[in-house]
Protein backbone atom coordinates (compact mmCIF):
# COMPACT_ATOMS: atom_id res chain seq x y z
CA MET A 1 114.67 113.10 83.47
CA PRO A 2 112.16 115.15 81.63
CA LEU A 3 109.76 117.07 83.47
CA PHE A 4 106.93 116.36 81.44
CA SER A 5 106.11 113.02 80.00
CA ARG A 6 103.74 111.58 77.64
CA ARG A 7 103.53 108.38 79.57
CA PRO A 8 100.23 107.92 81.56
CA SER A 9 100.52 107.72 85.19
CA LEU A 10 98.08 105.02 86.94
CA PRO A 11 95.63 106.47 89.34
CA ASP A 12 96.43 105.66 92.95
CA PRO A 13 93.04 103.95 93.23
CA VAL A 14 93.67 101.59 90.70
CA ARG A 15 97.32 101.01 91.68
CA GLY A 16 95.96 100.30 95.17
CA ARG A 17 93.50 97.57 93.71
CA LEU A 18 96.22 95.68 91.84
CA ALA A 19 97.36 93.80 94.97
CA LEU A 20 100.55 93.09 93.29
CA PRO A 21 102.45 89.83 94.88
CA PRO A 22 106.05 90.58 96.22
CA ARG A 23 107.81 89.51 92.94
CA ASP A 24 105.74 91.52 90.71
CA ARG A 25 105.88 95.13 89.62
CA VAL A 26 104.31 97.51 87.18
CA LEU A 27 106.14 97.70 83.87
CA ALA A 28 103.76 99.77 81.48
CA VAL A 29 100.29 101.35 81.88
CA VAL A 30 97.93 102.53 79.26
CA GLU A 31 94.46 104.27 79.57
CA LEU A 32 92.03 102.70 77.49
CA ALA A 33 89.38 104.66 75.42
CA ASP A 34 86.62 102.90 77.17
CA GLY A 35 87.93 104.17 80.52
CA ARG A 36 89.69 101.18 81.84
CA TRP A 37 93.24 100.82 82.45
CA ALA A 38 95.59 98.15 81.22
CA VAL A 39 98.38 97.19 83.22
CA ALA A 40 101.37 95.18 82.09
CA THR A 41 103.31 93.73 85.24
CA ARG A 42 106.24 91.33 85.37
CA LEU A 43 104.02 88.35 85.82
CA ALA A 44 100.43 89.21 84.47
CA LEU A 45 98.35 91.58 82.47
CA CYS A 46 95.86 93.40 84.48
CA LEU A 47 92.73 95.25 83.36
CA ALA A 48 90.82 97.77 85.64
CA ASP A 49 87.83 99.78 85.54
CA THR A 50 87.75 103.35 87.23
CA GLY A 51 84.94 105.42 88.71
CA ALA A 52 82.00 104.39 91.00
CA GLU A 53 81.58 101.10 89.15
CA ALA A 54 85.28 99.99 89.59
CA GLY A 55 85.64 96.49 91.12
CA ALA A 56 88.31 94.06 91.45
CA VAL A 57 90.98 94.04 88.81
CA ARG A 58 91.13 91.19 86.16
CA ARG A 59 94.51 89.64 86.36
CA ARG A 60 95.57 87.08 83.73
CA PRO A 61 99.12 85.71 83.90
CA TRP A 62 101.09 85.96 80.69
CA ILE A 63 100.78 82.19 80.05
CA ASP A 64 97.08 82.96 79.36
CA VAL A 65 98.05 85.09 76.60
CA ASP A 66 98.45 83.36 73.16
CA ARG A 67 99.19 86.56 71.30
CA ALA A 68 98.28 90.16 70.82
CA GLN A 69 98.12 92.21 67.55
CA LEU A 70 98.01 96.19 67.14
CA THR A 71 95.66 97.64 64.67
CA VAL A 72 97.16 101.00 63.95
CA GLU A 73 94.21 102.23 62.11
CA THR A 74 91.91 101.71 65.09
CA SER A 75 94.30 102.23 67.75
CA THR A 76 93.32 98.81 69.09
CA ILE A 77 95.11 95.94 70.71
CA THR A 78 93.36 92.66 70.31
CA VAL A 79 94.36 89.99 72.79
CA HIS A 80 94.13 86.31 71.88
CA TRP A 81 93.75 84.45 75.10
CA VAL A 82 94.76 80.61 74.85
CA ASP A 83 91.09 79.67 75.50
CA GLY A 84 90.32 80.86 72.06
CA THR A 85 88.61 84.01 73.12
CA THR A 86 89.60 87.53 72.06
CA GLU A 87 89.42 90.92 74.09
CA ASP A 88 89.91 94.34 72.25
CA LEU A 89 91.79 96.97 74.18
CA PRO A 90 90.83 100.48 72.64
CA LEU A 91 93.86 102.62 73.38
CA THR A 92 94.31 106.13 74.04
CA GLU A 93 97.52 107.87 72.39
CA ARG A 94 99.10 108.51 75.57
CA GLY A 95 101.59 105.35 76.51
CA ALA A 96 100.27 102.96 73.77
CA PRO A 97 103.52 102.51 71.94
CA ALA A 98 105.46 101.83 75.21
CA PHE A 99 102.50 99.38 76.34
CA ALA A 100 102.10 97.57 73.18
CA GLN A 101 105.92 96.81 73.12
CA THR A 102 105.85 95.50 76.83
CA LEU A 103 102.86 93.41 76.02
CA ARG A 104 104.80 91.89 73.07
CA GLU A 105 107.96 91.31 75.13
CA ARG A 106 106.15 89.86 78.18
CA VAL A 107 104.20 87.31 75.90
CA GLN A 108 107.37 86.30 74.16
CA SER A 109 109.32 85.96 77.39
CA SER A 110 106.90 83.46 78.65
CA VAL A 111 107.33 81.13 75.57
CA VAL A 112 110.49 78.85 76.17
CA HIS A 113 109.92 76.69 73.07
CA SER A 114 107.36 76.04 70.54
CA GLU A 115 106.58 73.89 67.62
CA THR A 116 103.72 74.13 64.99
CA VAL A 117 101.99 71.01 63.92
CA VAL A 118 100.09 70.57 60.63
CA LEU A 119 97.01 68.17 61.21
CA PRO A 120 95.30 65.99 58.61
CA GLY A 121 92.89 68.22 57.01
CA GLY A 122 95.42 71.26 57.13
CA SER A 123 94.45 72.77 60.32
CA THR A 124 97.41 73.80 62.80
CA VAL A 125 98.07 73.49 66.40
CA ARG A 126 100.97 75.11 68.40
CA VAL A 127 102.57 73.14 71.08
CA ALA A 128 104.48 75.60 73.32
CA LEU A 129 106.49 75.06 76.57
CA ARG A 130 105.94 78.38 78.61
CA ARG A 131 106.87 79.75 81.95
CA ASP A 132 104.11 80.35 84.43
CA GLU A 133 104.20 82.88 87.12
CA GLN A 134 105.99 80.73 89.46
CA GLY A 135 108.56 80.03 86.94
CA ASP A 136 107.60 76.59 86.26
CA LEU A 137 107.69 75.29 82.66
CA VAL A 138 104.13 74.14 81.36
CA SER A 139 103.26 72.65 78.08
CA GLN A 140 100.22 73.94 76.22
CA VAL A 141 98.50 72.93 73.16
CA ILE A 142 96.89 75.92 71.40
CA GLY A 143 94.49 75.32 68.39
CA ASP A 144 91.77 77.09 66.55
CA GLY A 145 88.98 75.33 68.18
CA SER A 146 88.26 73.00 65.45
CA VAL A 147 90.84 70.51 66.36
CA ASP A 148 89.37 67.21 67.89
CA LEU A 149 92.09 65.53 69.98
CA SER A 150 89.98 62.46 70.22
CA GLN A 151 90.98 61.47 66.60
CA PRO A 152 93.79 58.87 67.08
CA ARG A 153 95.84 60.27 64.28
CA VAL A 154 95.40 63.82 65.56
CA GLY A 155 96.13 62.92 69.26
CA ALA A 156 99.08 61.16 68.13
CA LEU A 157 100.63 64.06 66.22
CA VAL A 158 100.02 66.57 69.11
CA ASP A 159 101.27 64.02 71.77
CA ALA A 160 104.36 63.59 69.84
CA ALA A 161 105.04 67.12 69.24
CA GLU A 162 104.37 67.95 72.99
CA LEU A 163 106.89 65.17 73.93
CA ARG A 164 109.68 66.71 71.44
CA VAL A 165 108.94 70.22 73.08
CA ARG A 166 109.32 68.86 76.72
CA ARG A 167 112.23 66.94 75.79
CA ALA A 168 114.05 69.90 74.13
CA ALA A 169 113.83 71.45 77.57
CA GLY A 170 114.90 68.54 79.43
CA LEU A 171 111.74 67.87 81.07
CA PRO A 172 110.44 64.50 81.79
CA ASP A 173 107.85 62.59 79.38
């Protein structure tokens, strides 16, 4: 093992505030340009402030992350949450590649099966079967916020896709 590593080390006060459950462990960390720390664990993405204003760690299970994209020019990872909001993680150089790769792998590992549905008018939704923190399978419908599920045709298409996704995994209707 090399004596010197470019991988950042999570400060002890931040590690202490993580309060990881017994089945969880830290996989990758990155110090953010705004002074926060991003921590990828087996079960969640954690964001922690440092310094005097440090408070509770924001912890979001992987099932809450729709996707994330790295913009190399700005060294920023944009996290797209399943609720339609986004959050920018401005990276420092140290640890960024390993963290970005781990983030990608954890989000992908939570997805068991998915299907994209094209709706009347051309908008799309994704129906995904994902594994939550306890290992249970949960179905999610992820759209762009403009999808009106109260429209009978739209609701029927989404319901049919959800049924197909659940059946593909042997789950009850």
